[in-house]
Protein backbone atom coordinates (compact mmCIF):
# COMPACT_ATOMS: atom_id res chain seq x y z
CA MET A 1 20.27 83.02 -72.18
CA SER A 2 18.20 82.34 -69.05
CA LYS A 3 18.66 79.62 -66.57
CA PHE A 4 15.90 77.70 -68.10
CA PHE A 5 17.30 77.82 -71.50
CA ASP A 6 20.82 77.22 -70.28
CA SER A 7 19.83 73.69 -69.27
CA GLU A 8 21.42 71.02 -71.36
CA ILE A 9 18.24 68.93 -71.29
CA ILE A 10 16.15 71.89 -72.53
CA GLN A 11 18.72 72.64 -75.25
CA GLU A 12 18.68 69.00 -76.37
CA GLU A 13 14.94 68.91 -76.44
CA LEU A 14 14.60 72.10 -78.42
CA GLU A 15 17.15 70.78 -80.96
CA GLU A 16 15.16 67.53 -81.32
CA ILE A 17 11.98 69.50 -81.85
CA ASN A 18 13.71 71.67 -84.36
CA GLU A 19 15.06 68.63 -86.31
CA LEU A 20 11.68 66.92 -86.29
CA GLN A 21 9.99 70.11 -87.67
CA LYS A 22 12.60 70.40 -90.41
CA THR A 23 12.14 66.78 -91.45
CA LEU A 24 8.46 66.97 -91.43
CA TYR A 25 8.24 70.36 -93.14
CA SER A 26 10.59 69.13 -95.91
CA ASN A 27 8.27 66.11 -96.66
CA VAL A 28 4.92 67.57 -96.11
CA MET A 29 4.20 68.39 -99.80
CA GLN A 30 5.16 64.90 -100.77
CA PHE A 31 2.64 63.20 -98.27
CA PRO A 32 -0.06 62.59 -100.85
CA ILE A 33 2.19 60.62 -103.14
CA MET A 34 4.12 58.80 -100.53
CA GLU A 35 4.09 54.98 -100.23
CA TYR A 36 1.97 53.63 -97.24
CA ASP A 37 5.09 52.96 -95.12
CA ASP A 38 6.42 56.50 -95.72
CA LYS A 39 3.11 57.90 -94.75
CA VAL A 40 3.06 55.81 -91.51
CA GLU A 41 6.61 56.97 -90.63
CA HIS A 42 5.52 60.61 -91.37
CA ILE A 43 2.58 60.31 -89.06
CA ASP A 44 4.77 58.54 -86.29
CA LEU A 45 7.19 61.69 -86.61
CA LEU A 46 4.23 63.93 -86.30
CA THR A 47 3.05 62.09 -83.04
CA GLU A 48 6.64 62.24 -81.73
CA LEU A 49 6.88 66.00 -82.44
CA LEU A 50 3.63 66.62 -80.72
CA GLU A 51 4.61 64.63 -77.65
CA LYS A 52 7.89 66.62 -77.44
CA GLN A 53 6.07 69.89 -77.78
CA LYS A 54 3.68 68.97 -74.97
CA VAL A 55 6.55 68.01 -72.67
CA MET A 56 8.34 71.25 -73.55
CA TYR A 57 5.14 73.35 -72.92
CA THR A 58 4.77 71.58 -69.46
CA ARG A 59 8.35 72.41 -68.70
CA LEU A 60 7.64 76.05 -69.61
CA SER A 61 4.48 76.04 -67.60
CA LEU A 62 6.30 74.72 -64.37
CA SER A 63 9.11 77.35 -64.66
CA ASP A 64 9.12 80.76 -63.12
CA ASP A 65 12.19 81.73 -65.33
CA PRO A 66 11.31 85.00 -67.00
CA ASP A 67 12.31 83.75 -70.39
CA ALA A 68 10.33 80.56 -70.01
CA VAL A 69 7.24 82.58 -68.94
CA ASN A 70 7.69 84.80 -71.92
CA MET A 71 8.01 81.81 -74.37
CA LYS A 72 4.86 80.31 -72.92
CA GLU A 73 2.93 83.69 -73.29
CA GLN A 74 4.15 83.94 -76.90
CA LEU A 75 2.96 80.33 -77.64
CA GLN A 76 -0.38 81.11 -76.18
CA LYS A 77 -0.73 84.12 -78.53
CA THR A 78 -0.44 81.67 -81.41
CA ILE A 79 -3.56 79.72 -80.47
CA PRO A 80 -6.01 81.84 -82.63
CA LEU A 81 -3.66 81.34 -85.60
CA MET A 82 -4.35 77.65 -85.26
CA GLY A 83 -8.12 78.14 -85.54
CA PHE A 84 -8.83 78.01 -81.83
CA PRO A 85 -10.44 80.91 -79.88
CA LYS A 86 -8.23 83.22 -77.92
CA GLY A 87 -7.73 81.98 -74.39
CA THR A 88 -8.12 78.34 -75.31
CA ASP A 89 -6.06 76.08 -73.01
CA MET A 90 -3.07 74.81 -74.84
CA ASN A 91 -3.66 71.26 -73.60
CA LEU A 92 -6.95 71.45 -75.62
CA LEU A 93 -4.98 72.53 -78.70
CA PHE A 94 -2.61 69.55 -78.12
CA GLU A 95 -5.61 67.17 -77.87
CA GLY A 96 -7.14 68.61 -81.04
CA MET A 97 -3.74 67.95 -82.78
CA ARG A 98 -3.58 64.40 -81.44
CA GLU A 99 -7.09 63.82 -82.73
CA THR A 100 -6.21 65.22 -86.19
CA ILE A 101 -3.22 63.01 -86.37
CA SER A 102 -5.23 60.00 -85.36
CA LYS A 103 -7.81 60.69 -88.06
CA LEU A 104 -5.02 61.04 -90.54
CA LYS A 105 -3.64 57.63 -89.56
CA ASP A 106 -7.08 56.12 -89.89
CA ASN A 107 -7.48 57.52 -93.35
CA ILE A 108 -4.30 56.08 -94.59
CA ASP A 109 -5.20 52.66 -93.00
CA LYS A 110 -8.38 52.62 -94.99
CA SER A 111 -6.77 53.38 -98.34
């Protein structure tokens, strides 16, 4: 493991991201039939996950550790898989995700 990923803080944050992803993915198919409060909680978890991912990406961007640089490059390669043009700034992707989450919340508030 690299110096970046040896950091206790980084390990804790990655574990939190992983746990949030597991929780969200395990419930995503139930979303349409969830009660209002459960939907709000799910959206709050999505927001928390996005914020943690943004922080981690920023940490990766600020590091010169080879493994951190490599992970950042790998993340950037996934941008086209999310419907954005190759070379799109990751912060623009995060903003698009934030807007999508906000619209989702607005939709459940209207129903």
